[in-house]
N, C-alpha and C. Protein backbone atom coordinates (compact mmCIF):
# COMPACT_ATOMS: atom_id res chain seq x y z
N UNK A 1 23.86 -76.31 -6.48
CA UNK A 1 23.42 -75.01 -6.87
C UNK A 1 21.92 -75.01 -7.08
N UNK A 2 21.27 -75.57 -6.18
CA UNK A 2 19.84 -75.62 -6.27
C UNK A 2 19.17 -74.28 -5.96
N UNK A 3 19.76 -73.44 -5.16
CA UNK A 3 19.13 -72.21 -4.68
C UNK A 3 19.32 -71.01 -5.60
N UNK A 4 19.69 -71.22 -6.76
CA UNK A 4 19.85 -70.08 -7.67
C UNK A 4 18.50 -69.58 -8.11
N UNK A 5 18.37 -68.25 -8.04
CA UNK A 5 17.11 -67.66 -8.51
C UNK A 5 17.33 -66.96 -9.82
N UNK A 6 16.30 -66.97 -10.56
CA UNK A 6 16.37 -66.28 -11.84
C UNK A 6 15.97 -64.81 -11.62
N UNK A 7 16.78 -63.90 -12.06
CA UNK A 7 16.50 -62.47 -11.93
C UNK A 7 16.11 -61.94 -13.30
N UNK A 8 14.93 -61.31 -13.29
CA UNK A 8 14.47 -60.70 -14.54
C UNK A 8 14.99 -59.27 -14.61
N UNK A 9 15.38 -58.85 -15.73
CA UNK A 9 15.89 -57.50 -15.94
C UNK A 9 14.89 -56.76 -16.81
N UNK A 10 14.49 -55.56 -16.32
CA UNK A 10 13.56 -54.73 -17.07
C UNK A 10 14.25 -53.44 -17.44
N UNK A 11 13.95 -52.94 -18.59
CA UNK A 11 14.52 -51.68 -19.04
C UNK A 11 13.40 -50.69 -19.29
N UNK A 12 13.64 -49.44 -18.92
CA UNK A 12 12.67 -48.38 -19.22
C UNK A 12 13.21 -47.57 -20.37
N UNK A 13 12.34 -47.26 -21.27
CA UNK A 13 12.74 -46.47 -22.43
C UNK A 13 12.05 -45.12 -22.32
N UNK A 14 12.82 -44.07 -22.24
CA UNK A 14 12.29 -42.71 -22.17
C UNK A 14 12.38 -42.07 -23.54
N UNK A 15 11.32 -41.33 -23.88
CA UNK A 15 11.39 -40.67 -25.19
C UNK A 15 12.49 -39.62 -25.20
N UNK A 16 13.11 -39.46 -26.32
CA UNK A 16 14.15 -38.45 -26.45
C UNK A 16 13.52 -37.07 -26.54
N UNK A 17 14.24 -36.08 -25.99
CA UNK A 17 13.75 -34.70 -26.08
C UNK A 17 13.81 -34.23 -27.51
N UNK A 18 12.77 -33.49 -27.86
CA UNK A 18 12.73 -32.96 -29.22
C UNK A 18 13.75 -31.84 -29.37
N UNK A 19 14.32 -31.74 -30.48
CA UNK A 19 15.28 -30.68 -30.78
C UNK A 19 14.76 -29.89 -31.95
N UNK A 20 15.28 -28.69 -32.08
CA UNK A 20 14.88 -27.90 -33.22
C UNK A 20 14.13 -26.65 -32.81
N UNK A 21 13.76 -25.83 -33.79
CA UNK A 21 13.14 -24.53 -33.51
C UNK A 21 11.76 -24.65 -32.85
N UNK A 22 10.98 -25.64 -33.18
CA UNK A 22 9.65 -25.78 -32.60
C UNK A 22 9.74 -26.09 -31.10
N UNK A 23 10.68 -26.92 -30.73
CA UNK A 23 10.87 -27.25 -29.31
C UNK A 23 11.34 -26.02 -28.54
N UNK A 24 12.20 -25.22 -29.13
CA UNK A 24 12.68 -24.00 -28.48
C UNK A 24 11.55 -23.00 -28.26
N UNK A 25 10.68 -22.86 -29.24
CA UNK A 25 9.53 -21.94 -29.11
C UNK A 25 8.60 -22.44 -28.01
N UNK A 26 8.36 -23.74 -27.98
CA UNK A 26 7.51 -24.31 -26.94
C UNK A 26 8.10 -24.04 -25.55
N UNK A 27 9.39 -24.22 -25.40
CA UNK A 27 10.05 -24.00 -24.10
C UNK A 27 9.97 -22.52 -23.68
N UNK A 28 10.13 -21.62 -24.62
CA UNK A 28 10.03 -20.18 -24.33
C UNK A 28 8.61 -19.83 -23.90
N UNK A 29 7.61 -20.34 -24.61
CA UNK A 29 6.22 -20.08 -24.26
C UNK A 29 5.86 -20.65 -22.89
N UNK A 30 6.39 -21.80 -22.58
CA UNK A 30 6.13 -22.41 -21.28
C UNK A 30 6.74 -21.56 -20.16
N UNK A 31 7.95 -21.07 -20.36
CA UNK A 31 8.58 -20.18 -19.37
C UNK A 31 7.82 -18.87 -19.24
N UNK A 32 7.36 -18.31 -20.36
CA UNK A 32 6.60 -17.07 -20.35
C UNK A 32 5.30 -17.24 -19.57
N UNK A 33 4.62 -18.37 -19.79
CA UNK A 33 3.37 -18.65 -19.08
C UNK A 33 3.61 -18.69 -17.58
N UNK A 34 4.66 -19.35 -17.16
CA UNK A 34 4.98 -19.42 -15.73
C UNK A 34 5.30 -18.04 -15.16
N UNK A 35 6.02 -17.23 -15.91
CA UNK A 35 6.36 -15.88 -15.47
C UNK A 35 5.11 -15.02 -15.30
N UNK A 36 4.19 -15.12 -16.24
CA UNK A 36 2.95 -14.34 -16.16
C UNK A 36 2.15 -14.73 -14.93
N UNK A 37 2.07 -16.00 -14.65
CA UNK A 37 1.33 -16.47 -13.47
C UNK A 37 1.99 -15.94 -12.20
N UNK A 38 3.29 -16.00 -12.11
CA UNK A 38 4.01 -15.50 -10.93
C UNK A 38 3.80 -14.00 -10.77
N UNK A 39 3.91 -13.23 -11.84
CA UNK A 39 3.70 -11.78 -11.78
C UNK A 39 2.27 -11.47 -11.37
N UNK A 40 1.30 -12.20 -11.90
CA UNK A 40 -0.10 -12.00 -11.53
C UNK A 40 -0.30 -12.23 -10.03
N UNK A 41 0.28 -13.28 -9.50
CA UNK A 41 0.15 -13.58 -8.07
C UNK A 41 0.80 -12.48 -7.24
N UNK A 42 1.96 -11.99 -7.66
CA UNK A 42 2.63 -10.90 -6.92
C UNK A 42 1.76 -9.67 -6.90
N UNK A 43 1.21 -9.27 -8.05
CA UNK A 43 0.39 -8.07 -8.09
C UNK A 43 -0.95 -8.26 -7.38
N UNK A 44 -1.44 -9.46 -7.34
CA UNK A 44 -2.71 -9.71 -6.67
C UNK A 44 -2.56 -9.74 -5.16
N UNK A 45 -1.50 -10.35 -4.68
CA UNK A 45 -1.36 -10.58 -3.25
C UNK A 45 -0.34 -9.70 -2.54
N UNK A 46 0.63 -9.15 -3.24
CA UNK A 46 1.72 -8.47 -2.55
C UNK A 46 1.76 -6.97 -2.85
N UNK A 47 1.75 -6.56 -4.12
CA UNK A 47 1.84 -5.14 -4.45
C UNK A 47 0.75 -4.74 -5.43
N UNK A 48 0.45 -3.45 -5.42
CA UNK A 48 -0.52 -2.87 -6.36
C UNK A 48 -0.03 -1.50 -6.79
N UNK A 49 -0.51 -1.05 -7.92
CA UNK A 49 -0.24 0.31 -8.37
C UNK A 49 -1.55 1.09 -8.25
N UNK A 50 -1.48 2.25 -7.59
CA UNK A 50 -2.66 3.06 -7.32
C UNK A 50 -2.41 4.47 -7.83
N UNK A 51 -3.44 5.10 -8.39
CA UNK A 51 -3.33 6.48 -8.85
C UNK A 51 -3.76 7.45 -7.76
N UNK A 52 -3.08 8.59 -7.72
CA UNK A 52 -3.42 9.64 -6.76
C UNK A 52 -4.39 10.60 -7.44
N UNK A 53 -5.51 10.88 -6.77
CA UNK A 53 -6.51 11.80 -7.30
C UNK A 53 -6.66 12.93 -6.29
N UNK A 54 -6.45 14.16 -6.75
CA UNK A 54 -6.63 15.31 -5.87
C UNK A 54 -5.33 15.90 -5.37
N UNK A 55 -5.48 16.98 -4.62
CA UNK A 55 -4.34 17.76 -4.16
C UNK A 55 -4.05 17.61 -2.67
N UNK A 56 -4.69 16.66 -1.99
CA UNK A 56 -4.56 16.59 -0.53
C UNK A 56 -3.19 16.16 -0.04
N UNK A 57 -2.36 15.56 -0.89
CA UNK A 57 -1.04 15.11 -0.45
C UNK A 57 0.11 15.93 -1.03
N UNK A 58 -0.21 17.07 -1.67
CA UNK A 58 0.83 17.96 -2.18
C UNK A 58 1.60 18.52 -0.99
N UNK A 59 2.89 18.60 -0.98
CA UNK A 59 3.86 18.44 -2.06
C UNK A 59 4.43 17.03 -2.21
N UNK A 60 4.09 16.11 -1.31
CA UNK A 60 4.65 14.76 -1.37
C UNK A 60 4.17 14.01 -2.61
N UNK A 61 2.87 14.05 -2.86
CA UNK A 61 2.28 13.38 -4.02
C UNK A 61 1.37 14.36 -4.73
N UNK A 62 1.35 14.31 -6.04
CA UNK A 62 0.53 15.21 -6.85
C UNK A 62 -0.58 14.45 -7.55
N UNK A 63 -1.59 15.20 -7.96
CA UNK A 63 -2.69 14.63 -8.72
C UNK A 63 -2.12 13.93 -9.96
N UNK A 64 -2.50 12.70 -10.19
CA UNK A 64 -2.02 11.95 -11.35
C UNK A 64 -0.81 11.08 -11.08
N UNK A 65 -0.15 11.25 -9.94
CA UNK A 65 0.97 10.37 -9.61
C UNK A 65 0.48 8.94 -9.47
N UNK A 66 1.35 8.00 -9.75
CA UNK A 66 1.06 6.58 -9.56
C UNK A 66 2.00 6.09 -8.47
N UNK A 67 1.45 5.40 -7.49
CA UNK A 67 2.28 4.88 -6.40
C UNK A 67 2.11 3.38 -6.30
N UNK A 68 3.18 2.74 -5.85
CA UNK A 68 3.17 1.30 -5.63
C UNK A 68 2.94 1.09 -4.14
N UNK A 69 1.98 0.23 -3.82
CA UNK A 69 1.68 -0.04 -2.41
C UNK A 69 1.83 -1.52 -2.11
N UNK A 70 2.18 -1.80 -0.87
CA UNK A 70 2.16 -3.19 -0.41
C UNK A 70 0.74 -3.50 -0.01
N UNK A 71 0.22 -4.60 -0.46
CA UNK A 71 -1.15 -4.93 -0.11
C UNK A 71 -1.21 -6.06 0.90
N UNK A 72 -0.08 -6.42 1.46
CA UNK A 72 -0.10 -7.42 2.51
C UNK A 72 -0.46 -6.75 3.83
N UNK A 73 -1.11 -7.45 4.73
CA UNK A 73 -1.50 -6.84 6.01
C UNK A 73 -0.27 -6.38 6.81
N UNK A 74 -0.38 -5.23 7.42
CA UNK A 74 0.70 -4.73 8.26
C UNK A 74 0.10 -3.79 9.29
N UNK A 75 0.90 -3.40 10.27
CA UNK A 75 0.44 -2.52 11.33
C UNK A 75 0.90 -1.09 11.01
N UNK A 76 -0.02 -0.17 10.67
CA UNK A 76 0.38 1.20 10.31
C UNK A 76 1.13 1.90 11.44
N UNK A 77 2.12 2.70 11.04
CA UNK A 77 2.91 3.47 12.00
C UNK A 77 2.83 4.93 11.64
N UNK A 78 3.11 5.78 12.64
CA UNK A 78 3.11 7.23 12.39
C UNK A 78 4.08 7.56 11.26
N UNK A 79 3.62 8.41 10.35
CA UNK A 79 4.45 8.84 9.23
C UNK A 79 4.24 8.05 7.96
N UNK A 80 3.62 6.87 8.05
CA UNK A 80 3.37 6.06 6.85
C UNK A 80 2.34 6.75 5.96
N UNK A 81 2.54 6.64 4.65
CA UNK A 81 1.51 7.06 3.69
C UNK A 81 0.73 5.81 3.35
N UNK A 82 -0.58 5.87 3.60
CA UNK A 82 -1.43 4.69 3.42
C UNK A 82 -2.56 4.97 2.44
N UNK A 83 -3.06 3.90 1.84
CA UNK A 83 -4.22 3.97 0.96
C UNK A 83 -5.36 3.34 1.75
N UNK A 84 -6.48 4.07 1.79
CA UNK A 84 -7.61 3.68 2.62
C UNK A 84 -8.86 3.48 1.78
N UNK A 85 -9.58 2.43 2.09
CA UNK A 85 -10.92 2.26 1.52
C UNK A 85 -11.85 3.16 2.32
N UNK A 86 -12.82 3.73 1.66
CA UNK A 86 -13.79 4.59 2.33
C UNK A 86 -15.10 3.83 2.48
N UNK A 87 -15.51 3.54 3.70
CA UNK A 87 -16.78 2.83 3.85
C UNK A 87 -17.97 3.69 3.43
N UNK A 88 -17.80 5.00 3.44
CA UNK A 88 -18.90 5.89 3.08
C UNK A 88 -18.93 6.20 1.58
N UNK A 89 -17.85 5.93 0.86
CA UNK A 89 -17.77 6.15 -0.59
C UNK A 89 -16.98 4.99 -1.18
N UNK A 90 -17.63 3.91 -1.48
CA UNK A 90 -16.94 2.66 -1.83
C UNK A 90 -16.11 2.73 -3.11
N UNK A 91 -16.42 3.64 -4.02
CA UNK A 91 -15.70 3.68 -5.29
C UNK A 91 -14.39 4.44 -5.22
N UNK A 92 -14.18 5.22 -4.17
CA UNK A 92 -12.98 6.05 -4.08
C UNK A 92 -12.13 5.65 -2.88
N UNK A 93 -10.83 5.62 -3.09
CA UNK A 93 -9.92 5.38 -1.97
C UNK A 93 -9.22 6.68 -1.63
N UNK A 94 -8.69 6.75 -0.42
CA UNK A 94 -7.98 7.94 0.05
C UNK A 94 -6.51 7.63 0.18
N UNK A 95 -5.67 8.64 -0.07
CA UNK A 95 -4.24 8.54 0.18
C UNK A 95 -3.95 9.57 1.27
N UNK A 96 -3.51 9.12 2.43
CA UNK A 96 -3.26 10.01 3.57
C UNK A 96 -2.02 9.55 4.32
N UNK A 97 -1.57 10.42 5.23
CA UNK A 97 -0.43 10.11 6.10
C UNK A 97 -0.96 9.77 7.49
N UNK A 98 -0.40 8.73 8.09
CA UNK A 98 -0.78 8.34 9.45
C UNK A 98 -0.14 9.34 10.42
N UNK A 99 -0.99 10.00 11.22
CA UNK A 99 -0.53 10.97 12.21
C UNK A 99 -0.54 10.36 13.60
N UNK A 100 -1.57 9.59 13.91
CA UNK A 100 -1.67 8.97 15.22
C UNK A 100 -2.14 7.54 15.12
N UNK A 101 -1.65 6.71 16.05
CA UNK A 101 -2.06 5.31 16.12
C UNK A 101 -2.79 5.08 17.45
N UNK A 102 -3.31 3.89 17.64
CA UNK A 102 -4.11 3.58 18.82
C UNK A 102 -3.41 4.02 20.11
N UNK A 103 -4.15 4.75 20.93
CA UNK A 103 -3.63 5.22 22.21
C UNK A 103 -3.00 6.60 22.16
N UNK A 104 -2.67 7.10 20.96
CA UNK A 104 -2.08 8.44 20.83
C UNK A 104 -3.13 9.51 21.10
N UNK A 105 -2.70 10.61 21.73
CA UNK A 105 -3.55 11.77 21.88
C UNK A 105 -3.09 12.81 20.87
N UNK A 106 -4.01 13.19 19.98
CA UNK A 106 -3.72 14.15 18.92
C UNK A 106 -4.35 15.48 19.29
N UNK A 107 -3.55 16.55 19.21
CA UNK A 107 -4.06 17.89 19.47
C UNK A 107 -3.53 18.79 18.35
N UNK A 108 -4.34 19.72 17.92
CA UNK A 108 -3.93 20.64 16.85
C UNK A 108 -4.17 22.07 17.32
N UNK A 109 -3.12 22.89 17.22
CA UNK A 109 -3.22 24.32 17.50
C UNK A 109 -3.46 24.99 16.15
N UNK A 110 -4.72 25.28 15.84
CA UNK A 110 -5.08 25.83 14.53
C UNK A 110 -4.64 27.27 14.37
N UNK A 111 -4.41 28.00 15.46
CA UNK A 111 -3.96 29.38 15.38
C UNK A 111 -2.51 29.43 14.89
N UNK A 112 -1.65 28.62 15.51
CA UNK A 112 -0.24 28.60 15.13
C UNK A 112 0.08 27.53 14.09
N UNK A 113 -0.85 26.60 13.87
CA UNK A 113 -0.69 25.60 12.82
C UNK A 113 0.12 24.39 13.20
N UNK A 114 0.23 24.07 14.49
CA UNK A 114 1.05 22.95 14.93
C UNK A 114 0.21 21.74 15.31
N UNK A 115 0.79 20.56 15.08
CA UNK A 115 0.17 19.30 15.48
C UNK A 115 1.00 18.74 16.64
N UNK A 116 0.29 18.27 17.66
CA UNK A 116 0.92 17.67 18.83
C UNK A 116 0.45 16.22 18.97
N UNK A 117 1.40 15.33 19.19
CA UNK A 117 1.09 13.93 19.46
C UNK A 117 1.59 13.63 20.87
N UNK A 118 0.68 13.21 21.73
CA UNK A 118 1.00 12.91 23.12
C UNK A 118 1.73 14.08 23.79
N UNK A 119 1.29 15.31 23.47
CA UNK A 119 1.86 16.52 24.06
C UNK A 119 3.14 17.01 23.41
N UNK A 120 3.65 16.30 22.43
CA UNK A 120 4.91 16.67 21.78
C UNK A 120 4.66 17.30 20.42
N UNK A 121 5.16 18.53 20.24
CA UNK A 121 5.01 19.23 18.95
C UNK A 121 5.75 18.46 17.87
N UNK A 122 5.06 18.24 16.75
CA UNK A 122 5.62 17.46 15.65
C UNK A 122 6.39 18.33 14.66
N UNK A 123 7.50 17.83 14.20
CA UNK A 123 8.25 18.46 13.12
C UNK A 123 7.79 17.80 11.84
N UNK A 124 7.10 18.55 11.00
CA UNK A 124 6.52 17.98 9.79
C UNK A 124 7.09 18.67 8.56
N UNK A 125 8.25 18.19 8.12
CA UNK A 125 8.93 18.77 6.96
C UNK A 125 8.18 18.50 5.66
N UNK A 126 7.29 17.56 5.65
CA UNK A 126 6.61 17.10 4.44
C UNK A 126 5.34 17.89 4.11
N UNK A 127 4.85 18.74 5.02
CA UNK A 127 3.58 19.42 4.75
C UNK A 127 3.78 20.65 3.87
N UNK A 128 2.71 21.02 3.19
CA UNK A 128 2.76 22.18 2.30
C UNK A 128 2.76 23.48 3.09
N UNK A 129 1.89 23.56 4.10
CA UNK A 129 1.82 24.74 4.96
C UNK A 129 1.25 24.34 6.30
N UNK A 130 1.36 25.22 7.27
CA UNK A 130 0.89 24.94 8.62
C UNK A 130 -0.60 24.60 8.63
N UNK A 131 -1.01 23.86 9.65
CA UNK A 131 -2.39 23.37 9.76
C UNK A 131 -3.29 24.41 10.40
N UNK A 132 -4.03 25.16 9.57
CA UNK A 132 -4.94 26.18 10.09
C UNK A 132 -6.40 25.82 9.89
N UNK A 133 -6.69 24.90 9.03
CA UNK A 133 -8.09 24.55 8.74
C UNK A 133 -8.60 23.52 9.74
N UNK A 134 -9.71 23.82 10.35
CA UNK A 134 -10.34 22.86 11.26
C UNK A 134 -11.67 22.43 10.66
N UNK A 135 -12.16 21.32 11.15
CA UNK A 135 -13.47 20.83 10.75
C UNK A 135 -14.32 20.75 12.02
N UNK A 136 -15.12 19.73 12.15
CA UNK A 136 -16.05 19.65 13.28
C UNK A 136 -15.59 18.79 14.45
N UNK A 137 -14.40 18.21 14.38
CA UNK A 137 -13.88 17.40 15.49
C UNK A 137 -13.26 18.34 16.53
N UNK A 138 -13.57 18.11 17.80
CA UNK A 138 -13.00 18.88 18.91
C UNK A 138 -11.71 18.22 19.36
N UNK A 139 -10.67 19.02 19.52
CA UNK A 139 -9.36 18.50 19.94
C UNK A 139 -9.08 18.92 21.35
N UNK A 140 -8.28 18.12 22.08
CA UNK A 140 -7.54 16.91 21.71
C UNK A 140 -8.45 15.69 21.63
N UNK A 141 -7.99 14.68 20.87
CA UNK A 141 -8.69 13.41 20.74
C UNK A 141 -7.70 12.28 20.99
N UNK A 142 -8.20 11.17 21.49
CA UNK A 142 -7.38 9.98 21.68
C UNK A 142 -7.81 8.94 20.67
N UNK A 143 -6.85 8.40 19.95
CA UNK A 143 -7.14 7.42 18.90
C UNK A 143 -7.55 6.10 19.55
N UNK A 144 -8.74 5.58 19.21
CA UNK A 144 -9.21 4.33 19.80
C UNK A 144 -8.39 3.12 19.34
N UNK A 145 -8.50 2.05 20.10
CA UNK A 145 -7.83 0.79 19.76
C UNK A 145 -8.34 0.31 18.41
N UNK A 146 -7.41 -0.16 17.55
CA UNK A 146 -7.77 -0.69 16.24
C UNK A 146 -7.98 0.38 15.18
N UNK A 147 -7.66 1.64 15.51
CA UNK A 147 -7.88 2.75 14.57
C UNK A 147 -6.61 3.56 14.38
N UNK A 148 -6.63 4.41 13.35
CA UNK A 148 -5.56 5.39 13.11
C UNK A 148 -6.18 6.74 12.83
N UNK A 149 -5.40 7.80 13.02
CA UNK A 149 -5.79 9.17 12.71
C UNK A 149 -4.93 9.60 11.54
N UNK A 150 -5.56 10.05 10.45
CA UNK A 150 -4.82 10.39 9.23
C UNK A 150 -5.08 11.83 8.81
N UNK A 151 -4.10 12.41 8.12
CA UNK A 151 -4.23 13.75 7.55
C UNK A 151 -3.47 13.80 6.23
N UNK A 152 -3.90 14.70 5.35
CA UNK A 152 -3.18 14.94 4.11
C UNK A 152 -2.01 15.88 4.37
N UNK A 153 -1.01 15.87 3.50
CA UNK A 153 0.14 16.76 3.65
C UNK A 153 -0.21 18.20 3.26
N UNK A 154 -1.23 18.37 2.46
CA UNK A 154 -1.73 19.70 2.09
C UNK A 154 -2.89 20.00 3.05
N UNK A 155 -2.54 20.29 4.29
CA UNK A 155 -3.48 20.32 5.41
C UNK A 155 -4.70 21.20 5.20
N UNK A 156 -4.54 22.32 4.53
CA UNK A 156 -5.66 23.24 4.39
C UNK A 156 -6.55 22.92 3.20
N UNK A 157 -6.21 21.86 2.45
CA UNK A 157 -7.02 21.41 1.31
C UNK A 157 -7.35 19.93 1.41
N UNK A 158 -7.30 19.37 2.60
CA UNK A 158 -7.47 17.93 2.77
C UNK A 158 -8.66 17.62 3.67
N UNK A 159 -9.52 16.72 3.20
CA UNK A 159 -10.59 16.17 4.02
C UNK A 159 -10.02 14.92 4.66
N UNK A 160 -9.91 14.93 5.99
CA UNK A 160 -9.24 13.83 6.69
C UNK A 160 -9.85 13.61 8.06
N UNK A 161 -9.10 13.04 8.97
CA UNK A 161 -9.63 12.67 10.29
C UNK A 161 -10.04 13.86 11.14
N UNK A 162 -9.75 15.07 10.73
CA UNK A 162 -10.24 16.26 11.44
C UNK A 162 -11.74 16.44 11.25
N UNK A 163 -12.30 15.76 10.26
CA UNK A 163 -13.72 15.85 9.95
C UNK A 163 -14.44 14.59 10.42
N UNK A 164 -15.64 14.75 10.96
CA UNK A 164 -16.42 13.58 11.38
C UNK A 164 -16.84 12.75 10.17
N UNK A 165 -16.80 13.31 8.99
CA UNK A 165 -17.12 12.55 7.77
C UNK A 165 -16.10 11.44 7.55
N UNK A 166 -14.84 11.69 7.92
CA UNK A 166 -13.78 10.69 7.81
C UNK A 166 -13.51 10.09 9.19
N UNK A 167 -13.17 10.93 10.15
CA UNK A 167 -12.93 10.48 11.52
C UNK A 167 -11.78 9.50 11.64
N UNK A 168 -11.83 8.73 12.71
CA UNK A 168 -10.82 7.70 12.91
C UNK A 168 -11.03 6.61 11.87
N UNK A 169 -9.94 6.04 11.39
CA UNK A 169 -10.00 5.00 10.37
C UNK A 169 -9.71 3.65 11.02
N UNK A 170 -10.65 2.74 10.88
CA UNK A 170 -10.43 1.38 11.35
C UNK A 170 -9.30 0.77 10.52
N UNK A 171 -8.35 0.10 11.16
CA UNK A 171 -7.20 -0.46 10.45
C UNK A 171 -7.61 -1.48 9.39
N UNK A 172 -8.82 -2.03 9.49
CA UNK A 172 -9.30 -2.97 8.48
C UNK A 172 -9.53 -2.29 7.13
N UNK A 173 -9.64 -0.96 7.12
CA UNK A 173 -9.85 -0.21 5.88
C UNK A 173 -8.55 0.24 5.23
N UNK A 174 -7.41 -0.11 5.83
CA UNK A 174 -6.11 0.22 5.24
C UNK A 174 -5.82 -0.82 4.16
N UNK A 175 -5.76 -0.35 2.91
CA UNK A 175 -5.51 -1.25 1.78
C UNK A 175 -4.03 -1.55 1.62
N UNK A 176 -3.18 -0.63 2.05
CA UNK A 176 -1.75 -0.85 1.93
C UNK A 176 -0.95 0.38 2.24
N UNK A 177 0.35 0.19 2.28
CA UNK A 177 1.31 1.27 2.56
C UNK A 177 2.03 1.62 1.27
N UNK A 178 2.11 2.93 0.98
CA UNK A 178 2.84 3.38 -0.21
C UNK A 178 4.34 3.27 0.07
N UNK A 179 5.06 2.72 -0.89
CA UNK A 179 6.51 2.63 -0.70
C UNK A 179 7.30 3.08 -1.92
N UNK A 180 6.62 3.41 -3.02
CA UNK A 180 7.36 3.81 -4.22
C UNK A 180 6.45 4.64 -5.11
N UNK A 181 6.98 5.70 -5.70
CA UNK A 181 6.20 6.53 -6.62
C UNK A 181 6.75 6.39 -8.03
N UNK A 182 5.85 6.17 -8.97
CA UNK A 182 6.20 6.15 -10.38
C UNK A 182 6.01 7.57 -10.90
N UNK A 183 6.99 8.12 -11.59
CA UNK A 183 6.88 9.49 -12.07
C UNK A 183 5.96 9.55 -13.29
N UNK A 184 4.89 10.37 -13.25
CA UNK A 184 3.87 10.32 -14.31
C UNK A 184 4.34 10.85 -15.66
N UNK A 185 5.19 11.87 -15.69
CA UNK A 185 5.56 12.45 -17.00
C UNK A 185 6.52 11.55 -17.79
N UNK A 186 7.49 10.97 -17.11
CA UNK A 186 8.50 10.21 -17.83
C UNK A 186 8.23 8.73 -17.85
N UNK A 187 7.26 8.29 -17.07
CA UNK A 187 6.91 6.87 -16.95
C UNK A 187 8.10 6.06 -16.43
N UNK A 188 9.06 6.72 -15.80
CA UNK A 188 10.21 6.02 -15.24
C UNK A 188 10.02 5.86 -13.74
N UNK A 189 10.71 4.89 -13.18
CA UNK A 189 10.68 4.68 -11.74
C UNK A 189 11.55 5.72 -11.06
């Protein structure tokens, strides 16, 4: 039995978990801290709450309404309500509806109040009244690549893509898409 080796045995001693009210409070605070960090990241990167200022989106949205928007990048589609940064007025954002996307031809019959996209008359149940107000843009127009054409739902009280002051909106200025409205009077969802 010459080839016997001696085997050393090592033991690890782990401290016991603390018990009692102080340990429970510490565990609750640790969970709360993690929750706050996760919520902060969600609100920073995924969703935001934005206030509506003005009457341009009546009847869909009213002055003072709060809306939840997705702030992740996406490709705007016709009918989406979007929040836009204004390169000409950096402190104010716009809330508008996407009417046309890249390649669409937008035409407006201001006499009868109809909007046409690619020659097709649009059914717009969401607007307050027919579109009779024009600005300085000559119609029809074709939306350039990388841009959208937007209008407010309160067409005759909205400054939007019908004006050269706003014009076509580069998609890089879209801050997000509205997907939920918080009711201002009751503070309920």
